[in-house]
C-alpha atoms as a PDB file:
ATOM      1  CA  MET A   1      74.497  85.211 113.780  1.00  0.00           C
ATOM      2  CA  ARG A   2      78.019  86.312 112.908  1.00  0.00           C
ATOM      3  CA  SER A   3      77.228  87.324 109.361  1.00  0.00           C
ATOM      4  CA  HIS A   4      76.805  90.526 107.404  1.00  0.00           C
ATOM      5  CA  THR A   5      75.919  91.812 103.949  1.00  0.00           C
ATOM      6  CA  LEU A   6      77.427  95.103 102.883  1.00  0.00           C
ATOM      7  CA  THR A   7      77.067  97.161  99.715  1.00  0.00           C
ATOM      8  CA  ARG A   8      79.693  99.739  98.796  1.00  0.00           C
ATOM      9  CA  SER A   9      78.867 102.085  95.939  1.00  0.00           C
ATOM     10  CA  THR A  10      81.225 104.681  94.464  1.00  0.00           C
ATOM     11  CA  ALA A  11      81.713 106.338  91.098  1.00  0.00           C
ATOM     12  CA  GLU A  12      84.322 103.633  90.359  1.00  0.00           C
ATOM     13  CA  THR A  13      82.805 100.430  91.755  1.00  0.00           C
ATOM     14  CA  GLU A  14      79.596  98.784  92.941  1.00  0.00           C
ATOM     15  CA  ILE A  15      80.344  95.942  95.355  1.00  0.00           C
ATOM     16  CA  THR A  16      78.182  93.692  97.498  1.00  0.00           C
ATOM     17  CA  VAL A  17      79.799  91.316  99.983  1.00  0.00           C
ATOM     18  CA  THR A  18      78.110  88.695 102.161  1.00  0.00           C
ATOM     19  CA  LEU A  19      80.130  86.939 104.870  1.00  0.00           C
ATOM     20  CA  ASP A  20      79.204  84.217 107.351  1.00  0.00           C
ATOM     21  CA  LEU A  21      81.980  83.668 109.890  1.00  0.00           C
ATOM     22  CA  ASP A  22      80.490  80.352 111.006  1.00  0.00           C
ATOM     23  CA  GLY A  23      80.309  78.855 107.543  1.00  0.00           C
ATOM     24  CA  THR A  24      82.007  75.972 105.799  1.00  0.00           C
ATOM     25  CA  GLY A  25      84.122  77.946 103.340  1.00  0.00           C
ATOM     26  CA  SER A  26      81.588  78.051 100.540  1.00  0.00           C
ATOM     27  CA  TYR A  27      82.114  80.811  97.987  1.00  0.00           C
ATOM     28  CA  ASP A  28      80.625  82.529  94.970  1.00  0.00           C
ATOM     29  CA  ASN A  29      82.886  85.399  93.960  1.00  0.00           C
ATOM     30  CA  GLN A  30      82.453  87.370  90.744  1.00  0.00           C
ATOM     31  CA  THR A  31      84.487  90.533  90.344  1.00  0.00           C
ATOM     32  CA  GLY A  32      85.269  90.421  86.635  1.00  0.00           C
ATOM     33  CA  VAL A  33      88.948  89.820  87.490  1.00  0.00           C
ATOM     34  CA  GLY A  34      89.613  86.110  87.018  1.00  0.00           C
ATOM     35  CA  PHE A  35      92.799  85.666  89.046  1.00  0.00           C
ATOM     36  CA  PHE A  36      91.390  87.791  91.876  1.00  0.00           C
ATOM     37  CA  ASP A  37      88.223  85.653  91.977  1.00  0.00           C
ATOM     38  CA  HIS A  38      90.478  82.598  92.315  1.00  0.00           C
ATOM     39  CA  MET A  39      92.264  84.241  95.262  1.00  0.00           C
ATOM     40  CA  LEU A  40      88.981  85.219  96.957  1.00  0.00           C
ATOM     41  CA  ASP A  41      87.817  81.622  96.567  1.00  0.00           C
ATOM     42  CA  GLN A  42      90.983  80.517  98.394  1.00  0.00           C
ATOM     43  CA  LEU A  43      90.391  83.098 101.124  1.00  0.00           C
ATOM     44  CA  ALA A  44      86.878  81.754 101.747  1.00  0.00           C
ATOM     45  CA  ARG A  45      87.709  78.067 101.437  1.00  0.00           C
ATOM     46  CA  HIS A  46      90.664  78.089 103.815  1.00  0.00           C
ATOM     47  CA  SER A  47      89.169  80.474 106.393  1.00  0.00           C
ATOM     48  CA  LEU A  48      85.858  78.541 106.470  1.00  0.00           C
ATOM     49  CA  ILE A  49      84.132  81.908 106.077  1.00  0.00           C
ATOM     50  CA  ASP A  50      81.273  81.673 103.589  1.00  0.00           C
ATOM     51  CA  MET A  51      81.773  84.475 101.085  1.00  0.00           C
ATOM     52  CA  THR A  52      79.803  85.899  98.215  1.00  0.00           C
ATOM     53  CA  VAL A  53      81.192  88.886  96.313  1.00  0.00           C
ATOM     54  CA  ARG A  54      79.601  90.712  93.418  1.00  0.00           C
ATOM     55  CA  ALA A  55      81.661  93.545  92.014  1.00  0.00           C
ATOM     56  CA  GLN A  56      81.274  95.765  88.990  1.00  0.00           C
ATOM     57  CA  GLY A  57      84.135  98.158  88.504  1.00  0.00           C
ATOM     58  CA  ASP A  58      85.843 100.365  85.981  1.00  0.00           C
ATOM     59  CA  LEU A  59      87.817  97.490  84.486  1.00  0.00           C
ATOM     60  CA  HIS A  60      88.170  99.445  81.241  1.00  0.00           C
ATOM     61  CA  ILE A  61      90.721 101.528  83.177  1.00  0.00           C
ATOM     62  CA  ASP A  62      92.389  98.701  85.113  1.00  0.00           C
ATOM     63  CA  ASP A  63      91.726  96.268  87.982  1.00  0.00           C
ATOM     64  CA  HIS A  64      92.985  98.537  90.762  1.00  0.00           C
ATOM     65  CA  HIS A  65      89.728 100.076  91.993  1.00  0.00           C
ATOM     66  CA  THR A  66      87.877  96.761  91.873  1.00  0.00           C
ATOM     67  CA  VAL A  67      90.534  94.913  93.884  1.00  0.00           C
ATOM     68  CA  GLU A  68      91.097  97.669  96.439  1.00  0.00           C
ATOM     69  CA  ASP A  69      87.397  98.416  96.947  1.00  0.00           C
ATOM     70  CA  THR A  70      86.639  94.712  97.344  1.00  0.00           C
ATOM     71  CA  GLY A  71      89.254  94.606 100.092  1.00  0.00           C
ATOM     72  CA  ILE A  72      87.601  97.599 101.744  1.00  0.00           C
ATOM     73  CA  ALA A  73      84.150  95.993 101.552  1.00  0.00           C
ATOM     74  CA  ILE A  74      85.320  92.603 102.875  1.00  0.00           C
ATOM     75  CA  GLY A  75      87.160  94.317 105.728  1.00  0.00           C
ATOM     76  CA  GLN A  76      84.104  96.370 106.685  1.00  0.00           C
ATOM     77  CA  ALA A  77      81.795  93.341 106.463  1.00  0.00           C
ATOM     78  CA  LEU A  78      84.207  91.300 108.594  1.00  0.00           C
ATOM     79  CA  ALA A  79      84.422  93.995 111.269  1.00  0.00           C
ATOM     80  CA  THR A  80      80.627  94.274 111.429  1.00  0.00           C
ATOM     81  CA  ALA A  81      80.123  90.491 111.530  1.00  0.00           C
ATOM     82  CA  LEU A  82      82.555  90.248 114.461  1.00  0.00           C
ATOM     83  CA  GLY A  83      80.502  92.708 116.494  1.00  0.00           C
ATOM     84  CA  ASP A  84      82.129  93.350 119.884  1.00  0.00           C
ATOM     85  CA  LYS A  85      84.406  90.323 119.258  1.00  0.00           C
ATOM     86  CA  ARG A  86      83.135  88.542 122.344  1.00  0.00           C
ATOM     87  CA  GLY A  87      84.442  85.002 122.557  1.00  0.00           C
ATOM     88  CA  ILE A  88      86.822  85.054 119.579  1.00  0.00           C
ATOM     89  CA  ARG A  89      90.361  83.698 119.787  1.00  0.00           C
ATOM     90  CA  ARG A  90      91.525  87.055 118.332  1.00  0.00           C
ATOM     91  CA  TYR A  91      94.971  85.887 117.135  1.00  0.00           C
ATOM     92  CA  GLY A  92      95.878  83.608 114.272  1.00  0.00           C
ATOM     93  CA  ALA A  93      98.989  82.531 112.429  1.00  0.00           C
ATOM     94  CA  CYS A  94      99.921  80.148 109.628  1.00  0.00           C
ATOM     95  CA  LEU A  95     103.099  79.016 107.938  1.00  0.00           C
ATOM     96  CA  LEU A  96     101.924  77.847 104.524  1.00  0.00           C
ATOM     97  CA  PRO A  97     103.945  76.001 101.865  1.00  0.00           C
ATOM     98  CA  MET A  98     102.863  75.902  98.244  1.00  0.00           C
ATOM     99  CA  ASP A  99     105.438  74.263  95.974  1.00  0.00           C
ATOM    100  CA  ASP A 100     108.374  76.706  95.842  1.00  0.00           C
ATOM    101  CA  ALA A 101     106.600  79.302  97.994  1.00  0.00           C
ATOM    102  CA  LEU A 102     106.560  79.501 101.781  1.00  0.00           C
ATOM    103  CA  VAL A 103     104.544  82.347 103.288  1.00  0.00           C
ATOM    104  CA  ARG A 104     103.917  83.173 106.925  1.00  0.00           C
ATOM    105  CA  ALA A 105     100.907  85.201 108.063  1.00  0.00           C
ATOM    106  CA  ALA A 106     100.148  86.368 111.581  1.00  0.00           C
ATOM    107  CA  LEU A 107      97.255  88.586 112.556  1.00  0.00           C
ATOM    108  CA  ASP A 108      95.451  90.194 115.451  1.00  0.00           C
ATOM    109  CA  LEU A 109      91.808  91.276 115.214  1.00  0.00           C
ATOM    110  CA  SER A 110      92.714  94.153 117.507  1.00  0.00           C
ATOM    111  CA  GLY A 111      90.816  96.995 115.875  1.00  0.00           C
ATOM    112  CA  ARG A 112      94.224  98.604 115.259  1.00  0.00           C
ATOM    113  CA  PRO A 113      95.004  98.285 111.548  1.00  0.00           C
ATOM    114  CA  PHE A 114      98.602  97.818 110.531  1.00  0.00           C
ATOM    115  CA  LEU A 115     100.122  95.966 107.606  1.00  0.00           C
ATOM    116  CA  ILE A 116     103.656  94.602 107.430  1.00  0.00           C
ATOM    117  CA  TRP A 117     104.210  93.239 103.917  1.00  0.00           C
ATOM    118  CA  ASN A 118     107.470  91.442 103.187  1.00  0.00           C
ATOM    119  CA  VAL A 119     106.459  89.729  99.959  1.00  0.00           C
ATOM    120  CA  ASP A 120     108.426  90.017  96.734  1.00  0.00           C
ATOM    121  CA  LEU A 121     106.460  88.944  93.681  1.00  0.00           C
ATOM    122  CA  PRO A 122     109.109  88.449  90.972  1.00  0.00           C
ATOM    123  CA  THR A 123     106.900  89.323  87.985  1.00  0.00           C
ATOM    124  CA  ALA A 124     104.765  92.388  87.299  1.00  0.00           C
ATOM    125  CA  LYS A 125     101.857  90.273  86.045  1.00  0.00           C
ATOM    126  CA  ILE A 126     100.150  86.965  86.719  1.00  0.00           C
ATOM    127  CA  GLY A 127      98.382  86.520  83.406  1.00  0.00           C
ATOM    128  CA  THR A 128      96.785  89.947  83.004  1.00  0.00           C
ATOM    129  CA  PHE A 129      96.655  90.632  86.762  1.00  0.00           C
ATOM    130  CA  ASP A 130      98.988  93.294  88.199  1.00  0.00           C
ATOM    131  CA  THR A 131     100.873  91.619  91.049  1.00  0.00           C
ATOM    132  CA  GLU A 132     101.152  94.902  92.987  1.00  0.00           C
ATOM    133  CA  LEU A 133      97.399  94.590  93.598  1.00  0.00           C
ATOM    134  CA  VAL A 134      97.939  91.682  95.979  1.00  0.00           C
ATOM    135  CA  ARG A 135      99.395  94.099  98.522  1.00  0.00           C
ATOM    136  CA  GLU A 136      96.695  96.672  97.762  1.00  0.00           C
ATOM    137  CA  PHE A 137      94.013  94.116  98.632  1.00  0.00           C
ATOM    138  CA  PHE A 138      95.596  93.209 101.960  1.00  0.00           C
ATOM    139  CA  GLN A 139      96.214  96.870 102.812  1.00  0.00           C
ATOM    140  CA  ALA A 140      92.510  97.603 102.294  1.00  0.00           C
ATOM    141  CA  LEU A 141      91.437  94.475 104.207  1.00  0.00           C
ATOM    142  CA  SER A 142      93.720  95.310 107.129  1.00  0.00           C
ATOM    143  CA  THR A 143      92.737  98.975 107.290  1.00  0.00           C
ATOM    144  CA  HIS A 144      88.978  98.488 107.052  1.00  0.00           C
ATOM    145  CA  GLY A 145      88.837  95.242 109.027  1.00  0.00           C
ATOM    146  CA  GLY A 146      90.849  96.706 111.909  1.00  0.00           C
ATOM    147  CA  ILE A 147      93.466  93.970 111.546  1.00  0.00           C
ATOM    148  CA  THR A 148      97.121  94.007 112.514  1.00  0.00           C
ATOM    149  CA  LEU A 149      98.485  91.826 109.717  1.00  0.00           C
ATOM    150  CA  HIS A 150     102.019  90.603 109.061  1.00  0.00           C
ATOM    151  CA  VAL A 151     102.731  88.691 105.839  1.00  0.00           C
ATOM    152  CA  ASP A 152     106.250  87.423 105.154  1.00  0.00           C
ATOM    153  CA  MET A 153     107.511  85.450 102.171  1.00  0.00           C
ATOM    154  CA  LEU A 154     110.240  83.102 103.341  1.00  0.00           C
ATOM    155  CA  HIS A 155     110.769  81.408  99.968  1.00  0.00           C
ATOM    156  CA  GLY A 156     109.318  81.741  96.502  1.00  0.00           C
ATOM    157  CA  LEU A 157     110.112  81.694  92.810  1.00  0.00           C
ATOM    158  CA  ASN A 158     106.733  81.688  91.061  1.00  0.00           C
ATOM    159  CA  SER A 159     104.461  84.732  91.426  1.00  0.00           C
ATOM    160  CA  HIS A 160     101.260  82.683  91.204  1.00  0.00           C
ATOM    161  CA  HIS A 161     102.423  80.330  93.956  1.00  0.00           C
ATOM    162  CA  ILE A 162     103.586  83.205  96.170  1.00  0.00           C
ATOM    163  CA  ALA A 163     100.321  85.162  95.800  1.00  0.00           C
ATOM    164  CA  GLU A 164      98.200  82.082  96.397  1.00  0.00           C
ATOM    165  CA  ALA A 165     100.254  81.100  99.435  1.00  0.00           C
ATOM    166  CA  ALA A 166      99.732  84.626 100.811  1.00  0.00           C
ATOM    167  CA  PHE A 167      95.952  84.398 100.443  1.00  0.00           C
ATOM    168  CA  LYS A 168      95.838  80.883 101.895  1.00  0.00           C
ATOM    169  CA  SER A 169      98.086  81.713 104.849  1.00  0.00           C
ATOM    170  CA  VAL A 170      96.014  84.787 105.731  1.00  0.00           C
ATOM    171  CA  ALA A 171      92.875  82.665 105.374  1.00  0.00           C
ATOM    172  CA  ARG A 172      94.146  80.013 107.789  1.00  0.00           C
ATOM    173  CA  ALA A 173      95.228  82.675 110.278  1.00  0.00           C
ATOM    174  CA  LEU A 174      91.828  84.347 109.973  1.00  0.00           C
ATOM    175  CA  ARG A 175      90.102  81.007 110.554  1.00  0.00           C
ATOM    176  CA  ASP A 176      91.882  80.642 113.902  1.00  0.00           C
ATOM    177  CA  ALA A 177      91.292  84.260 114.933  1.00  0.00           C
ATOM    178  CA  VAL A 178      87.530  84.418 114.276  1.00  0.00           C
ATOM    179  CA  GLU A 179      86.734  81.070 115.884  1.00  0.00           C
ATOM    180  CA  VAL A 180      84.968  81.104 119.225  1.00  0.00           C
ATOM    181  CA  ASP A 181      87.153  79.975 122.114  1.00  0.00           C
ATOM    182  CA  PRO A 182      85.036  77.467 124.067  1.00  0.00           C
ATOM    183  CA  ARG A 183      86.971  78.311 127.268  1.00  0.00           C
ATOM    184  CA  LYS A 184      86.113  82.021 127.001  1.00  0.00           C
ATOM    185  CA  ALA A 185      83.038  82.192 124.781  1.00  0.00           C
ATOM    186  CA  ASP A 186      81.473  84.986 126.855  1.00  0.00           C
ATOM    187  CA  ALA A 187      84.554  87.200 127.229  1.00  0.00           C
ATOM    188  CA  ILE A 188      86.164  89.990 125.225  1.00  0.00           C
ATOM    189  CA  PRO A 189      89.729  88.752 124.491  1.00  0.00           C
ATOM    190  CA  SER A 190      91.494  91.742 126.036  1.00  0.00           C
ATOM    191  CA  THR A 191      92.415  92.911 129.533  1.00  0.00           C
ATOM    192  CA  LYS A 192      90.951  96.278 128.500  1.00  0.00           C
ATOM    193  CA  GLY A 193      87.504  94.703 128.256  1.00  0.00           C
ATOM    194  CA  ALA A 194      86.986  96.060 124.739  1.00  0.00           C
ATOM    195  CA  LEU A 195      88.502  95.716 121.288  1.00  0.00           C
END
């Protein structure tokens, strides 16, 4: 079973994440941050990774700790669910249009975290959500999931569309990367023999 439940508890947040890599994209995400929940729903739906997130954070301060720590927890749960990564395709990429926005994501489940983020969100807020937290989430996911992740905005005018296209493009890339390759289902996808 390529699934995992992880609880992360700090003085700032209490987060429980359950992932099933072989799911259908079902989701039940409740972080107390409405726009972020909407983005997590997109991440699950378009990656076909079943995802349940329960987060309680210091929202009386702001959304930062909740968003970042959720990214940490999802990354750690993903890395654990992948195990030794035997049989996975490892790489994924997606060029995703959403109205005015066009975002490209490419990733490698290499175990070597690195984020390249070329996304310009033109407003500071989407509703009450700080747009700078979109990058913070992906930085945490990349670092704690051991993911080399490149996200590039090619076009975009509307911050909501750009952010959503980023989440959806990463989701579609992740879907490809975590899938089992039927031609090499028993092999580690590296000439090193380990990832």
